[in-house]
Amino acid sequence: MKIHIHKQGIYMAGKAWEIQQKLKEYSQSYETVSEWIHDEKKNPRKHNVILFPLQNR
């Protein structure tokens, strides 16, 4: 399973049960996706989370 974090949100790739399990896991630590993204950018600790660099358009 892979989790990609963008400025606008997240993209999760994997089987449905894996995604549901991860969402339950993260929902115990964070109330919103925004909090999750902000925390991941400050302190990346999951090897399956990929942060995308911000692009100026």
N, C-alpha and C. Protein backbone atom coordinates (compact mmCIF):
# COMPACT_ATOMS: atom_id res chain seq x y z
N MET A 1 0.83 -1.18 0.00
CA MET A 1 0.00 0.00 0.00
C MET A 1 0.88 1.24 0.00
N LYS A 2 0.47 2.23 -0.75
CA LYS A 2 1.21 3.49 -0.80
C LYS A 2 0.27 4.64 -0.50
N ILE A 3 0.82 5.65 0.16
CA ILE A 3 0.07 6.86 0.47
C ILE A 3 0.86 8.04 -0.08
N HIS A 4 0.23 8.82 -0.95
CA HIS A 4 0.85 9.99 -1.54
C HIS A 4 0.18 11.22 -0.95
N ILE A 5 0.97 12.14 -0.43
CA ILE A 5 0.42 13.36 0.15
C ILE A 5 0.73 14.55 -0.76
N HIS A 6 -0.32 15.26 -1.15
CA HIS A 6 -0.22 16.46 -1.97
C HIS A 6 -0.63 17.66 -1.13
N LYS A 7 -0.45 18.83 -1.66
CA LYS A 7 -0.91 20.03 -0.98
C LYS A 7 -2.43 20.03 -0.86
N GLN A 8 -3.12 19.53 -1.88
CA GLN A 8 -4.58 19.55 -1.90
C GLN A 8 -5.21 18.39 -1.14
N GLY A 9 -4.48 17.34 -0.87
CA GLY A 9 -5.07 16.19 -0.19
C GLY A 9 -4.17 14.96 -0.27
N ILE A 10 -4.79 13.78 -0.25
CA ILE A 10 -4.03 12.54 -0.26
C ILE A 10 -4.53 11.62 -1.37
N TYR A 11 -3.68 10.68 -1.74
CA TYR A 11 -4.01 9.63 -2.69
C TYR A 11 -3.53 8.34 -2.07
N MET A 12 -4.41 7.37 -1.91
CA MET A 12 -4.06 6.09 -1.32
C MET A 12 -4.22 5.00 -2.38
N ALA A 13 -3.19 4.19 -2.55
CA ALA A 13 -3.23 3.09 -3.51
C ALA A 13 -3.04 1.79 -2.76
N GLY A 14 -3.95 0.89 -2.96
CA GLY A 14 -3.88 -0.40 -2.30
C GLY A 14 -5.22 -1.10 -2.38
N LYS A 15 -5.33 -2.20 -1.68
CA LYS A 15 -6.59 -2.93 -1.65
C LYS A 15 -7.55 -2.21 -0.72
N ALA A 16 -8.83 -2.41 -0.96
CA ALA A 16 -9.86 -1.68 -0.19
C ALA A 16 -9.71 -1.91 1.30
N TRP A 17 -9.44 -3.14 1.73
CA TRP A 17 -9.32 -3.41 3.16
C TRP A 17 -8.09 -2.74 3.76
N GLU A 18 -7.01 -2.60 2.95
CA GLU A 18 -5.80 -1.92 3.44
C GLU A 18 -6.08 -0.43 3.66
N ILE A 19 -6.79 0.17 2.71
CA ILE A 19 -7.11 1.60 2.81
C ILE A 19 -8.02 1.86 4.01
N GLN A 20 -9.04 1.01 4.19
CA GLN A 20 -9.93 1.16 5.34
C GLN A 20 -9.17 1.03 6.65
N GLN A 21 -8.25 0.08 6.72
CA GLN A 21 -7.46 -0.12 7.94
C GLN A 21 -6.58 1.10 8.23
N LYS A 22 -5.94 1.64 7.21
CA LYS A 22 -5.09 2.83 7.39
C LYS A 22 -5.90 4.04 7.82
N LEU A 23 -7.08 4.22 7.20
CA LEU A 23 -7.92 5.36 7.58
C LEU A 23 -8.35 5.24 9.04
N LYS A 24 -8.69 4.05 9.49
CA LYS A 24 -9.05 3.85 10.89
C LYS A 24 -7.85 4.14 11.80
N GLU A 25 -6.67 3.69 11.38
CA GLU A 25 -5.45 3.92 12.16
C GLU A 25 -5.16 5.42 12.30
N TYR A 26 -5.21 6.14 11.18
CA TYR A 26 -4.91 7.56 11.22
C TYR A 26 -6.01 8.37 11.89
N SER A 27 -7.26 7.89 11.84
CA SER A 27 -8.35 8.63 12.47
C SER A 27 -8.24 8.62 13.99
N GLN A 28 -7.47 7.72 14.55
CA GLN A 28 -7.27 7.70 15.99
C GLN A 28 -6.27 8.76 16.41
N SER A 29 -5.42 9.20 15.49
CA SER A 29 -4.40 10.20 15.81
C SER A 29 -4.77 11.60 15.34
N TYR A 30 -5.55 11.72 14.27
CA TYR A 30 -5.86 13.01 13.67
C TYR A 30 -7.36 13.15 13.47
N GLU A 31 -7.87 14.36 13.68
CA GLU A 31 -9.29 14.62 13.43
C GLU A 31 -9.57 14.94 11.98
N THR A 32 -8.60 15.59 11.31
CA THR A 32 -8.81 15.97 9.91
C THR A 32 -7.62 15.53 9.06
N VAL A 33 -7.85 15.45 7.76
CA VAL A 33 -6.78 15.13 6.82
C VAL A 33 -5.74 16.24 6.82
N SER A 34 -6.20 17.48 6.98
CA SER A 34 -5.29 18.63 7.02
C SER A 34 -4.27 18.49 8.15
N GLU A 35 -4.72 18.06 9.33
CA GLU A 35 -3.80 17.85 10.45
C GLU A 35 -2.79 16.75 10.10
N TRP A 36 -3.25 15.69 9.47
CA TRP A 36 -2.40 14.58 9.09
C TRP A 36 -1.32 15.04 8.12
N ILE A 37 -1.71 15.79 7.09
CA ILE A 37 -0.75 16.28 6.10
C ILE A 37 0.27 17.21 6.75
N HIS A 38 -0.20 18.12 7.58
CA HIS A 38 0.70 19.07 8.25
C HIS A 38 1.71 18.33 9.12
N ASP A 39 1.26 17.35 9.88
CA ASP A 39 2.15 16.59 10.74
C ASP A 39 3.15 15.76 9.95
N GLU A 40 2.71 15.16 8.85
CA GLU A 40 3.60 14.35 8.01
C GLU A 40 4.70 15.20 7.39
N LYS A 41 4.37 16.43 7.00
CA LYS A 41 5.38 17.31 6.41
C LYS A 41 6.42 17.72 7.44
N LYS A 42 5.97 17.94 8.69
CA LYS A 42 6.90 18.34 9.75
C LYS A 42 7.76 17.18 10.21
N ASN A 43 7.18 15.98 10.30
CA ASN A 43 7.87 14.85 10.91
C ASN A 43 7.53 13.56 10.16
N PRO A 44 8.12 13.34 8.97
CA PRO A 44 7.81 12.12 8.23
C PRO A 44 8.34 10.88 8.96
N ARG A 45 7.45 9.92 9.22
CA ARG A 45 7.88 8.74 9.96
C ARG A 45 7.40 7.44 9.34
N LYS A 46 6.57 7.49 8.34
CA LYS A 46 6.07 6.29 7.69
C LYS A 46 6.83 6.08 6.39
N HIS A 47 7.36 4.89 6.18
CA HIS A 47 8.13 4.65 4.96
C HIS A 47 7.25 4.50 3.73
N ASN A 48 5.93 4.30 3.90
CA ASN A 48 5.06 4.16 2.73
C ASN A 48 4.34 5.46 2.38
N VAL A 49 4.69 6.56 3.04
CA VAL A 49 4.08 7.86 2.74
C VAL A 49 5.05 8.64 1.86
N ILE A 50 4.55 9.09 0.71
CA ILE A 50 5.39 9.82 -0.24
C ILE A 50 4.90 11.26 -0.30
N LEU A 51 5.77 12.20 0.05
CA LEU A 51 5.42 13.61 -0.01
C LEU A 51 5.81 14.15 -1.38
N PHE A 52 4.87 14.81 -2.04
CA PHE A 52 5.15 15.43 -3.33
C PHE A 52 5.58 16.86 -3.12
N PRO A 53 6.64 17.30 -3.81
CA PRO A 53 7.06 18.70 -3.67
C PRO A 53 6.02 19.64 -4.25
N LEU A 54 5.94 20.81 -3.67
CA LEU A 54 5.01 21.83 -4.19
C LEU A 54 5.54 22.37 -5.49
N GLN A 55 4.64 22.55 -6.44
CA GLN A 55 5.03 23.09 -7.74
C GLN A 55 4.36 24.43 -7.94
N ASN A 56 5.12 25.40 -8.39
CA ASN A 56 4.55 26.71 -8.70
C ASN A 56 3.99 26.67 -10.12
N ARG A 57 2.75 27.09 -10.25
CA ARG A 57 2.12 27.09 -11.58
C ARG A 57 1.81 28.47 -12.00
